[in-house]
Protein backbone atom coordinates (compact mmCIF):
# COMPACT_ATOMS: atom_id res chain seq x y z
CA MET A 1 100.69 126.12 97.42
CA GLU A 2 101.87 128.86 98.44
CA GLU A 3 99.02 130.83 100.12
CA PHE A 4 99.47 127.97 102.82
CA GLU A 5 103.16 127.99 103.06
CA HIS A 6 102.93 131.13 104.45
CA LYS A 7 100.07 130.82 106.71
CA PHE A 8 101.32 127.47 107.97
CA ARG A 9 104.73 129.95 109.28
CA GLN A 10 102.53 132.39 110.75
CA SER A 11 100.99 129.01 111.96
CA MET A 12 103.83 127.62 113.78
CA ARG A 13 104.95 131.72 115.02
CA THR A 14 106.00 131.58 119.14
CA LYS A 15 107.97 134.48 121.30
CA ALA A 16 110.32 131.58 122.14
CA LEU A 17 113.84 132.38 120.46
CA LEU A 18 114.83 128.89 120.74
CA LEU A 19 111.74 127.18 119.26
CA ASP A 20 110.65 130.00 116.53
CA LYS A 21 114.54 129.16 115.34
CA ILE A 22 114.00 125.36 115.12
CA MET A 23 110.23 126.59 113.81
CA GLY A 24 112.15 128.27 110.52
CA TYR A 25 114.51 125.16 110.04
CA ILE A 26 111.26 122.87 110.05
CA VAL A 27 109.49 124.88 107.89
CA LYS A 28 112.93 124.89 105.58
CA ARG A 29 113.39 121.68 105.21
CA LYS A 30 109.64 120.50 103.69
CA GLY A 31 109.44 117.78 101.55
CA LYS A 32 107.15 117.17 98.41
CA GLN A 33 104.07 118.96 100.43
CA ILE A 34 102.05 116.02 99.39
CA ARG A 35 99.61 116.36 101.83
CA PRO A 36 98.49 119.46 101.54
CA MET A 37 97.71 118.76 97.77
CA PHE A 38 95.56 116.16 98.61
CA VAL A 39 93.49 118.73 101.32
CA PHE A 40 93.23 121.36 98.09
CA LEU A 41 93.03 118.99 95.08
CA THR A 42 89.72 116.89 97.34
CA ALA A 43 88.59 120.08 98.41
CA ARG A 44 87.95 121.58 95.15
CA ALA A 45 86.87 118.67 93.11
CA THR A 46 84.19 117.47 96.59
CA ARG A 47 82.32 121.45 96.97
CA PRO A 48 78.81 120.59 96.32
CA GLU A 49 79.34 123.98 93.89
CA PRO A 50 82.56 123.58 92.38
CA ALA A 51 83.32 127.39 91.15
CA THR A 52 87.04 126.81 89.41
CA GLY A 53 88.68 130.06 90.30
CA ASP A 54 86.66 130.67 93.51
CA PRO A 55 89.00 130.62 96.23
CA LEU A 56 89.43 127.72 98.64
CA PRO A 57 87.61 128.45 102.72
CA ASP A 58 90.54 129.35 105.48
CA ALA A 59 89.26 126.47 106.75
CA SER A 60 90.09 124.10 103.86
CA PHE A 61 93.93 126.28 104.97
CA ARG A 62 93.51 125.13 108.66
CA GLY A 63 92.94 121.89 107.65
CA ALA A 64 96.46 121.42 105.54
CA ALA A 65 98.61 123.29 108.71
CA LEU A 66 96.43 120.74 111.21
CA ILE A 67 97.64 117.90 109.22
CA GLU A 68 101.45 119.43 108.81
CA LEU A 69 101.42 119.95 112.38
CA LEU A 70 100.55 116.98 113.61
CA HIS A 71 102.76 114.88 110.92
CA THR A 72 105.10 116.64 111.75
CA ALA A 73 105.03 116.41 115.34
CA THR A 74 104.90 112.74 114.99
CA LEU A 75 108.22 112.59 112.54
CA VAL A 76 109.66 114.68 115.25
CA HIS A 77 109.53 112.26 118.04
CA ASP A 78 109.81 109.07 115.67
CA ASP A 79 113.87 110.12 115.50
CA VAL A 80 114.04 110.38 118.89
CA VAL A 81 112.47 107.32 119.49
CA ASP A 82 114.92 106.08 116.05
CA GLU A 83 117.71 107.69 117.68
CA SER A 84 117.98 109.31 113.69
CA ASN A 85 120.42 112.07 112.43
CA TYR A 86 119.03 112.52 109.36
CA ARG A 87 115.51 112.90 107.77
CA ARG A 88 115.01 113.93 104.27
CA GLY A 89 119.17 114.42 103.79
CA PHE A 90 118.78 117.31 106.51
CA PHE A 91 119.90 116.72 110.27
CA SER A 92 116.89 116.13 112.10
CA ILE A 93 115.79 118.38 115.49
CA ASN A 94 117.57 115.76 117.84
CA ALA A 95 120.97 115.59 115.63
CA LEU A 96 120.97 119.54 115.89
CA TRP A 97 118.93 120.16 119.35
CA LYS A 98 119.28 116.84 121.37
CA ASN A 99 116.33 114.67 122.15
CA LYS A 100 114.82 116.75 124.90
CA ILE A 101 114.50 119.58 123.13
CA ALA A 102 113.13 117.60 120.08
CA VAL A 103 110.54 115.88 122.08
CA LEU A 104 109.77 118.99 123.62
CA VAL A 105 109.03 120.63 120.26
CA GLY A 106 106.73 117.60 118.93
CA ASP A 107 104.80 118.28 122.01
CA TYR A 108 104.83 122.45 121.25
CA LEU A 109 103.89 121.54 117.38
CA LEU A 110 100.93 119.10 118.51
CA SER A 111 99.62 121.59 120.99
CA ARG A 112 100.10 124.01 117.68
CA GLY A 113 97.83 122.73 115.75
CA LEU A 114 95.05 121.62 118.47
CA LEU A 115 94.66 125.38 119.15
CA LEU A 116 94.05 125.98 116.00
CA ALA A 117 91.03 124.07 115.30
CA LEU A 118 90.21 125.00 118.31
CA GLU A 119 90.21 128.55 117.74
CA ASN A 120 88.13 128.21 115.34
CA ASP A 121 85.29 125.74 116.00
CA ASP A 122 86.72 123.20 113.43
CA PHE A 123 85.65 119.89 115.59
CA ASP A 124 84.73 118.46 113.21
CA LEU A 125 88.66 118.77 110.87
CA LEU A 126 89.73 118.01 114.60
CA LYS A 127 88.27 114.48 114.72
CA ILE A 128 89.35 113.37 111.69
CA VAL A 129 93.18 114.20 112.16
CA SER A 130 93.21 113.11 116.02
CA ASN A 131 91.72 109.86 114.48
CA ALA A 132 94.42 109.33 112.25
CA VAL A 133 97.01 109.87 114.80
CA ARG A 134 95.60 107.73 116.66
CA GLU A 135 95.58 105.18 114.17
CA LEU A 136 99.41 105.76 113.50
CA SER A 137 100.07 105.08 117.21
CA GLU A 138 98.37 102.15 117.10
CA GLY A 139 99.91 100.84 113.37
CA GLU A 140 103.51 101.90 115.00
CA LEU A 141 103.32 99.64 118.21
CA LEU A 142 101.30 96.80 115.98
CA GLN A 143 104.38 96.83 114.41
CA ILE A 144 106.93 97.06 116.99
CA GLU A 145 105.05 94.03 118.52
CA LYS A 146 105.11 91.90 115.31
CA ALA A 147 108.36 92.20 114.43
CA ARG A 148 109.79 90.55 117.83
CA LYS A 149 108.16 87.52 116.20
CA LEU A 150 108.31 87.75 112.40
CA ASP A 151 104.63 85.84 111.71
CA ILE A 152 103.62 88.80 110.44
CA THR A 153 100.75 87.43 107.28
CA GLU A 154 99.38 89.61 104.80
CA ASP A 155 95.81 90.75 106.43
CA VAL A 156 98.20 91.91 109.30
CA TYR A 157 100.40 93.78 107.07
CA PHE A 158 97.53 95.46 105.69
CA ASP A 159 96.30 96.77 109.68
CA ILE A 160 99.48 97.60 109.87
CA ILE A 161 99.59 99.95 106.53
CA ARG A 162 96.51 101.05 106.81
CA GLN A 163 97.02 102.50 110.14
CA LYS A 164 100.49 103.28 109.99
CA THR A 165 100.54 105.28 106.22
CA ALA A 166 97.16 105.34 104.56
CA SER A 167 94.99 106.97 107.98
CA LEU A 168 97.17 110.34 106.94
CA ILE A 169 96.21 109.95 103.36
CA ALA A 170 92.75 109.59 104.11
CA SER A 171 92.81 112.30 106.49
CA CYS A 172 94.22 114.38 104.13
CA THR A 173 91.30 113.92 101.58
CA ALA A 174 88.62 113.68 104.71
CA VAL A 175 89.57 117.03 105.63
CA GLY A 176 90.09 118.42 102.58
CA ALA A 177 85.86 117.07 101.38
CA ALA A 178 84.71 118.41 105.67
CA SER A 179 86.24 121.49 104.91
CA VAL A 180 84.10 122.62 102.36
CA GLY A 181 81.10 121.72 103.64
CA ALA A 182 80.40 118.52 101.66
CA ASP A 183 77.86 115.81 103.15
CA LYS A 184 78.88 112.67 105.00
CA GLU A 185 78.97 110.45 102.85
CA VAL A 186 81.04 112.55 100.25
CA ILE A 187 83.62 112.87 103.46
CA GLU A 188 83.58 108.99 103.98
CA ARG A 189 84.23 108.02 100.09
CA ALA A 190 86.84 110.95 100.23
CA ARG A 191 88.09 109.07 102.81
CA LEU A 192 88.55 105.92 101.75
CA PHE A 193 89.72 106.94 98.17
CA GLY A 194 92.71 108.58 100.38
CA GLU A 195 93.52 105.32 102.29
CA LYS A 196 93.67 103.44 98.80
CA VAL A 197 96.08 105.52 97.28
CA GLY A 198 98.14 105.26 101.48
CA ILE A 199 98.10 101.75 101.13
CA ALA A 200 100.00 101.87 97.24
CA PHE A 201 101.86 104.26 98.33
CA GLN A 202 102.95 102.36 101.03
CA ILE A 203 103.70 99.22 98.86
CA LYS A 204 105.49 101.74 96.16
CA ASP A 205 107.75 102.50 99.29
CA ASP A 206 108.63 98.91 100.37
CA LEU A 207 109.36 98.54 96.38
CA PHE A 208 112.47 100.69 97.29
CA ASP A 209 113.62 98.52 99.60
CA TYR A 210 114.80 96.27 96.76
CA GLY A 211 115.50 99.12 93.26
CA THR A 212 118.30 100.41 92.57
CA ALA A 213 116.95 103.99 91.57
CA GLU A 214 118.87 106.56 94.18
CA ILE A 215 116.32 107.16 96.42
CA GLY A 216 115.39 108.37 100.44
CA LYS A 217 116.74 105.68 101.69
CA PRO A 218 119.06 102.72 101.49
CA VAL A 219 118.54 99.88 99.85
CA GLY A 220 117.41 96.88 101.97
CA ILE A 221 116.45 98.70 104.77
CA ASP A 222 113.52 97.82 105.95
CA ILE A 223 114.89 94.39 106.24
CA LYS A 224 118.13 95.84 108.67
CA GLU A 225 115.63 97.01 110.37
CA LYS A 226 114.12 93.77 110.39
CA LYS A 227 110.65 95.35 108.79
CA MET A 228 107.93 91.99 107.21
CA THR A 229 107.26 94.20 104.00
CA LEU A 230 104.78 92.25 100.74
CA PRO A 231 107.35 91.50 98.57
CA LEU A 232 108.54 88.97 101.75
CA ILE A 233 105.64 88.43 103.23
CA TYR A 234 104.33 86.84 99.47
CA ALA A 235 107.90 85.23 99.00
CA LEU A 236 107.84 83.35 102.30
CA GLN A 237 104.25 82.43 101.81
CA GLN A 238 105.46 80.78 99.26
CA ALA A 239 109.01 78.93 99.95
CA PRO A 240 109.03 75.53 101.28
CA TRP A 241 109.70 75.61 105.11
CA LEU A 242 113.14 74.84 105.46
CA GLU A 243 114.30 77.54 102.88
CA LYS A 244 111.76 79.68 104.57
CA ARG A 245 113.47 79.10 108.43
CA LYS A 246 116.88 79.82 106.68
CA VAL A 247 114.84 83.88 105.57
CA ILE A 248 113.26 84.35 108.83
CA PHE A 249 116.57 83.59 110.44
CA ASN A 250 118.63 85.76 107.94
CA VAL A 251 116.60 88.60 108.17
CA LYS A 252 116.25 88.04 112.43
CA ASN A 253 120.29 88.44 112.59
CA ASN A 254 121.18 90.22 109.92
CA ASP A 255 123.07 92.54 112.05
CA GLY A 256 123.28 95.09 108.82
CA HIS A 257 125.40 92.65 107.20
CA ARG A 258 125.31 93.15 103.65
CA ASP A 259 125.68 89.64 102.49
CA ARG A 260 122.81 87.92 104.29
CA VAL A 261 120.92 91.40 103.30
CA GLN A 262 121.64 90.75 99.85
CA GLN A 263 120.44 86.86 100.05
CA VAL A 264 117.02 88.60 101.75
CA ILE A 265 116.73 90.63 98.47
CA GLU A 266 117.72 87.93 96.09
CA PHE A 267 115.41 85.65 97.65
CA VAL A 268 111.93 87.47 97.19
CA LYS A 269 113.13 88.71 93.44
CA LYS A 270 113.46 84.98 92.56
CA SER A 271 110.85 84.01 94.65
CA GLY A 272 108.37 86.46 92.41
CA GLY A 273 107.45 88.78 95.42
CA LEU A 274 108.28 91.80 93.48
CA ASP A 275 105.73 91.51 90.27
CA TYR A 276 103.32 90.25 93.02
CA ALA A 277 103.46 93.71 94.95
CA VAL A 278 103.74 95.84 92.16
CA GLN A 279 100.31 93.60 90.80
CA THR A 280 98.53 94.92 94.30
CA MET A 281 100.08 98.36 94.12
CA LYS A 282 98.13 98.59 90.86
CA ARG A 283 94.63 97.55 92.26
CA TYR A 284 94.56 99.63 94.85
CA ARG A 285 95.42 102.48 92.60
CA ASP A 286 92.87 101.27 90.04
CA GLU A 287 90.62 100.89 93.56
CA ALA A 288 91.18 104.44 94.42
CA LEU A 289 90.23 105.75 90.56
CA ALA A 290 87.26 104.01 90.52
CA ILE A 291 86.08 106.21 93.73
CA LEU A 292 87.82 108.92 92.39
CA HIS A 293 85.86 108.81 89.71
CA THR A 294 82.10 108.90 91.51
CA PHE A 295 83.15 112.65 91.94
CA PRO A 296 81.58 115.74 89.15
CA GLU A 297 84.77 116.18 85.98
CA SER A 298 86.59 119.11 87.53
CA PRO A 299 90.90 120.24 86.57
CA SER A 300 91.48 119.60 90.67
CA ARG A 301 89.74 115.58 89.76
CA THR A 302 91.86 115.37 86.70
CA SER A 303 94.94 116.60 89.28
CA LEU A 304 94.19 113.74 91.29
CA GLU A 305 94.59 111.27 89.27
CA ALA A 306 98.21 112.57 88.38
CA LEU A 307 98.64 113.02 91.83
CA ILE A 308 97.94 109.60 92.46
CA ASN A 309 100.19 107.83 89.27
CA TYR A 310 103.34 110.19 91.00
CA THR A 311 102.62 108.66 94.11
CA ILE A 312 103.51 105.34 92.09
CA GLU A 313 105.82 105.58 89.53
CA ARG A 314 107.67 107.94 91.32
CA GLU A 315 111.58 107.43 91.41
CA LYS A 316 112.40 108.37 95.19
């Protein structure tokens, strides 16, 4: 990870002073670094001839940097779209440098990622990550389209999170395998493993909306933003028609009112929505572990197991 951090900073270097300052700020406010960890651990776990002490090839570092560059670009653009002033407790780029600069910074990060791959002929890695970015955009647009009517079924919900969240983790695990020269079948298995982890990860995020733990987002924020999450979708499916109508009215017209948001939270807890979401999350975790165990036993496989458990047991 230390080596990656150094290489990642190098990949963001630029002669434009303002841009370099902003790049430095982005590197400084990094999060948990879970995505690069998935790339490196999957690369080690899927190497055709794993040798524990051997260093990973440069392609693994480039793959991790490519994902971070493209993902950071989407986050910078997201903050502009959402008019958000904070990300992970830091000021967002648009809050400090205004929207125009933030959009250009997002474009710059995107082009840096593309060039990093093209300069090194990493076409297979670029294909995997470009697919993930396409899915991310489609998932976001599908969610916006459905949020207007609040008519999301469980199937549509899984379509959205598979594209919006799981596609990114799936690209990390697929890039990890591809970067060490694994064959197509292994890369696909690694991708599917990452997708299952990503879905479990997103359901955990949904559950935070109803919790009391001190986390990165305030309780009830999904409800305020009229996002249909798994606990709420399940609870509405179980509710009589009249109650369902009342709850949907409260979600649609909450205008940030705490009492209306609280009523929705209470309704979901009472209807067993949280228990159902926890069971579903654990099912996806178990499916991910089953795929993981098809790879040879190794310290990296053990670490991936710990990383999966961390993603669903985390408190923030």
